[in-house]
């Protein structure tokens, strides 16, 4: 079996390089395919799903919610693209607001990854207890960790994200979905 991750951007790839070895079984291969934004990802989905000829491949699509008011509408649109391409078994995950919300959900990982003391102490703040509800998580993260830069930060923090204890609901849904897809479970968890 092989998992192919269709990603909105390179920073998600950078994060997943550090995270996936800890949540995907060693006997499951995976490939990370970043795109240059939401438009490029959505344009690519039907093409890649229709034309990928490698047997035993399962797809996972990941994109940010950004400022869109309804993550369910985004997910429904992506699921429809996958179904129209003949791959209804594709797992779709929406990162509530942006990747930085995942980081806000695990400030101990940010502190370790950026080697900057005092960040984890903010985990009890109201906005860090519910990081998926923060409208601009990158701005909040930069206030707490001024050295944070998108790509370097993603590479540094990814290996430290705790799959069991991150407070981001969208992160936990992603981890649960990837774990389920990594087994022979025929249904797609969390896709209506």
Foldseek 3Di string as FASTA:
>chain_A
DEEEEEEFAVLVVLLCVQAVVPQFDPVYHYHYHYDPHDVRSLVCQLVCLQPVDDPPYEYEYEYECAQPPDVVVVLVSSCVSCVVSVHNQHHYAYQQRDPLLQCLQPVVLLCQLVVPPDRRVCCPPPCSLESSPDNDSVVVVCVSPVPDDRRSSSNSRSNVRDQVRGNYPSSVVVSVQNNCVSDVNRHRPPRD
